[in-house]
N, C-alpha and C. Protein backbone atom coordinates (compact mmCIF):
# COMPACT_ATOMS: atom_id res chain seq x y z
N MET A 1 -7.87 -43.96 -25.18
CA MET A 1 -6.59 -43.55 -24.64
C MET A 1 -6.81 -42.67 -23.41
N ALA A 2 -6.04 -42.86 -22.37
CA ALA A 2 -6.16 -42.11 -21.13
C ALA A 2 -5.61 -40.70 -21.32
N VAL A 3 -6.23 -39.76 -20.59
CA VAL A 3 -5.79 -38.37 -20.63
C VAL A 3 -4.58 -38.21 -19.73
N LEU A 4 -3.53 -37.57 -20.25
CA LEU A 4 -2.32 -37.35 -19.48
C LEU A 4 -2.56 -36.20 -18.50
N SER A 5 -2.35 -36.45 -17.22
CA SER A 5 -2.55 -35.44 -16.20
C SER A 5 -1.26 -35.28 -15.42
N LEU A 6 -0.74 -34.06 -15.42
CA LEU A 6 0.50 -33.80 -14.69
C LEU A 6 0.21 -33.54 -13.22
N PRO A 7 1.12 -33.88 -12.34
CA PRO A 7 0.93 -33.55 -10.92
C PRO A 7 0.97 -32.02 -10.75
N LEU A 8 0.26 -31.51 -9.73
CA LEU A 8 0.24 -30.08 -9.50
C LEU A 8 1.62 -29.57 -9.11
N SER A 9 2.01 -28.52 -9.73
CA SER A 9 3.25 -27.83 -9.40
C SER A 9 3.03 -26.35 -9.64
N PHE A 10 4.01 -25.55 -9.32
CA PHE A 10 3.88 -24.11 -9.54
C PHE A 10 3.59 -23.82 -11.00
N ASN A 11 4.32 -24.44 -11.89
CA ASN A 11 4.19 -24.14 -13.32
C ASN A 11 2.83 -24.49 -13.88
N ASN A 12 2.25 -25.60 -13.48
CA ASN A 12 0.99 -25.98 -14.13
C ASN A 12 -0.25 -25.68 -13.28
N SER A 13 -0.08 -25.13 -12.08
CA SER A 13 -1.26 -24.77 -11.29
C SER A 13 -1.41 -23.26 -11.14
N PHE A 14 -0.32 -22.51 -11.21
CA PHE A 14 -0.40 -21.07 -11.01
C PHE A 14 -0.62 -20.34 -12.35
N TRP A 15 0.17 -20.66 -13.35
CA TRP A 15 0.10 -19.97 -14.63
C TRP A 15 -0.90 -20.65 -15.56
N SER A 16 -1.65 -19.85 -16.27
CA SER A 16 -2.51 -20.38 -17.31
C SER A 16 -1.70 -20.42 -18.61
N GLN A 17 -2.30 -20.93 -19.65
CA GLN A 17 -1.63 -20.94 -20.94
C GLN A 17 -1.46 -19.53 -21.48
N ASP A 18 -2.31 -18.62 -21.04
CA ASP A 18 -2.24 -17.24 -21.51
C ASP A 18 -1.37 -16.43 -20.56
N TYR A 19 -0.06 -16.52 -20.72
CA TYR A 19 0.87 -15.84 -19.81
C TYR A 19 0.70 -14.33 -19.84
N ARG A 20 0.50 -13.77 -21.03
CA ARG A 20 0.39 -12.33 -21.15
C ARG A 20 -0.79 -11.81 -20.33
N ARG A 21 -1.94 -12.44 -20.42
CA ARG A 21 -3.11 -12.00 -19.67
C ARG A 21 -2.86 -12.16 -18.17
N GLY A 22 -2.23 -13.24 -17.79
CA GLY A 22 -1.91 -13.43 -16.37
C GLY A 22 -1.00 -12.33 -15.83
N LEU A 23 0.01 -11.96 -16.62
CA LEU A 23 0.91 -10.89 -16.20
C LEU A 23 0.20 -9.54 -16.16
N GLU A 24 -0.70 -9.31 -17.12
CA GLU A 24 -1.46 -8.05 -17.11
C GLU A 24 -2.31 -7.94 -15.85
N VAL A 25 -2.96 -9.01 -15.47
CA VAL A 25 -3.77 -9.01 -14.25
C VAL A 25 -2.88 -8.81 -13.03
N LEU A 26 -1.76 -9.51 -12.99
CA LEU A 26 -0.84 -9.40 -11.86
C LEU A 26 -0.34 -7.96 -11.70
N PHE A 27 0.11 -7.34 -12.79
CA PHE A 27 0.63 -5.98 -12.70
C PHE A 27 -0.47 -4.97 -12.41
N ALA A 28 -1.69 -5.21 -12.88
CA ALA A 28 -2.80 -4.33 -12.55
C ALA A 28 -3.07 -4.36 -11.05
N LYS A 29 -3.03 -5.56 -10.45
CA LYS A 29 -3.23 -5.67 -9.01
C LYS A 29 -2.09 -4.99 -8.24
N LEU A 30 -0.87 -5.16 -8.71
CA LEU A 30 0.26 -4.51 -8.06
C LEU A 30 0.16 -2.99 -8.13
N GLU A 31 -0.31 -2.47 -9.26
CA GLU A 31 -0.51 -1.02 -9.38
C GLU A 31 -1.55 -0.53 -8.39
N GLN A 32 -2.65 -1.28 -8.23
CA GLN A 32 -3.69 -0.90 -7.28
C GLN A 32 -3.13 -0.87 -5.86
N VAL A 33 -2.38 -1.89 -5.51
CA VAL A 33 -1.83 -1.98 -4.16
C VAL A 33 -0.83 -0.86 -3.92
N SER A 34 0.03 -0.58 -4.90
CA SER A 34 1.03 0.47 -4.71
C SER A 34 0.36 1.84 -4.62
N TYR A 35 -0.73 2.07 -5.37
CA TYR A 35 -1.44 3.34 -5.29
C TYR A 35 -2.01 3.53 -3.88
N VAL A 36 -2.65 2.51 -3.36
CA VAL A 36 -3.23 2.59 -2.01
C VAL A 36 -2.13 2.79 -0.98
N PHE A 37 -1.02 2.08 -1.12
CA PHE A 37 0.09 2.20 -0.18
C PHE A 37 0.61 3.64 -0.15
N PHE A 38 0.82 4.24 -1.32
CA PHE A 38 1.35 5.60 -1.35
C PHE A 38 0.33 6.61 -0.85
N ARG A 39 -0.95 6.37 -1.07
CA ARG A 39 -1.98 7.26 -0.51
C ARG A 39 -1.95 7.21 1.01
N VAL A 40 -1.79 6.01 1.57
CA VAL A 40 -1.71 5.86 3.03
C VAL A 40 -0.47 6.58 3.56
N LEU A 41 0.66 6.47 2.85
CA LEU A 41 1.86 7.19 3.28
C LEU A 41 1.63 8.69 3.29
N ILE A 42 0.96 9.21 2.28
CA ILE A 42 0.68 10.65 2.22
C ILE A 42 -0.22 11.06 3.38
N ILE A 43 -1.22 10.25 3.68
CA ILE A 43 -2.13 10.56 4.80
C ILE A 43 -1.36 10.58 6.12
N PHE A 44 -0.48 9.59 6.33
CA PHE A 44 0.31 9.57 7.57
C PHE A 44 1.24 10.77 7.66
N LYS A 45 1.81 11.17 6.53
CA LYS A 45 2.68 12.34 6.53
C LYS A 45 1.88 13.58 6.93
N GLU A 46 0.67 13.73 6.38
CA GLU A 46 -0.17 14.88 6.71
C GLU A 46 -0.58 14.85 8.18
N LEU A 47 -0.90 13.67 8.69
CA LEU A 47 -1.25 13.55 10.11
C LEU A 47 -0.07 13.93 10.99
N TYR A 48 1.13 13.48 10.63
CA TYR A 48 2.32 13.80 11.40
C TYR A 48 2.56 15.31 11.41
N GLN A 49 2.39 15.93 10.23
CA GLN A 49 2.56 17.38 10.17
C GLN A 49 1.53 18.09 11.04
N GLY A 50 0.30 17.58 11.05
CA GLY A 50 -0.74 18.16 11.89
C GLY A 50 -0.41 18.05 13.36
N VAL A 51 0.11 16.90 13.77
CA VAL A 51 0.50 16.70 15.17
C VAL A 51 1.64 17.65 15.53
N ALA A 52 2.61 17.81 14.64
CA ALA A 52 3.72 18.72 14.90
C ALA A 52 3.22 20.16 15.04
N GLU A 53 2.28 20.55 14.18
CA GLU A 53 1.72 21.89 14.28
C GLU A 53 0.95 22.07 15.58
N ASN A 54 0.21 21.05 15.99
CA ASN A 54 -0.51 21.12 17.27
C ASN A 54 0.46 21.29 18.43
N ASP A 55 1.58 20.58 18.38
CA ASP A 55 2.59 20.71 19.44
C ASP A 55 3.15 22.13 19.48
N GLU A 56 3.38 22.71 18.30
CA GLU A 56 3.90 24.08 18.25
C GLU A 56 2.88 25.07 18.82
N ILE A 57 1.62 24.89 18.48
CA ILE A 57 0.56 25.78 18.99
C ILE A 57 0.44 25.63 20.50
N THR A 58 0.47 24.38 20.98
CA THR A 58 0.38 24.14 22.42
C THR A 58 1.55 24.79 23.15
N ALA A 59 2.76 24.66 22.61
CA ALA A 59 3.94 25.27 23.23
C ALA A 59 3.80 26.79 23.25
N PHE A 60 3.31 27.37 22.16
CA PHE A 60 3.12 28.81 22.09
C PHE A 60 2.13 29.30 23.14
N ILE A 61 1.01 28.58 23.26
CA ILE A 61 -0.01 28.95 24.25
C ILE A 61 0.55 28.82 25.67
N MET A 62 1.33 27.78 25.91
CA MET A 62 1.93 27.60 27.24
C MET A 62 2.88 28.74 27.57
N VAL A 63 3.65 29.19 26.59
CA VAL A 63 4.57 30.33 26.82
C VAL A 63 3.77 31.56 27.20
N ILE A 64 2.68 31.80 26.49
CA ILE A 64 1.84 32.97 26.78
C ILE A 64 1.24 32.86 28.19
N LEU A 65 0.72 31.67 28.51
CA LEU A 65 0.09 31.49 29.83
C LEU A 65 1.11 31.63 30.96
N VAL A 66 2.29 31.10 30.78
CA VAL A 66 3.31 31.17 31.82
C VAL A 66 3.81 32.58 31.99
N SER A 67 3.88 33.35 30.92
CA SER A 67 4.41 34.71 31.00
C SER A 67 3.43 35.68 31.64
N ARG A 68 2.18 35.31 31.80
CA ARG A 68 1.18 36.21 32.39
C ARG A 68 1.20 36.16 33.87
């Protein structure tokens, strides 16, 4: 008897029979990506604050230099 083979589709090519394990892997990857994304956001926020502080220091020094 011939083996029944279904044509490739989303349902039979993406998901394995073990849906729970597939979802666990998927959510673990999403957690990793979201952690990295939020770390990058925090780094950019800190960099922005540093740039703002540098601008304040530069403005302060310019005021001192101009007043002399």
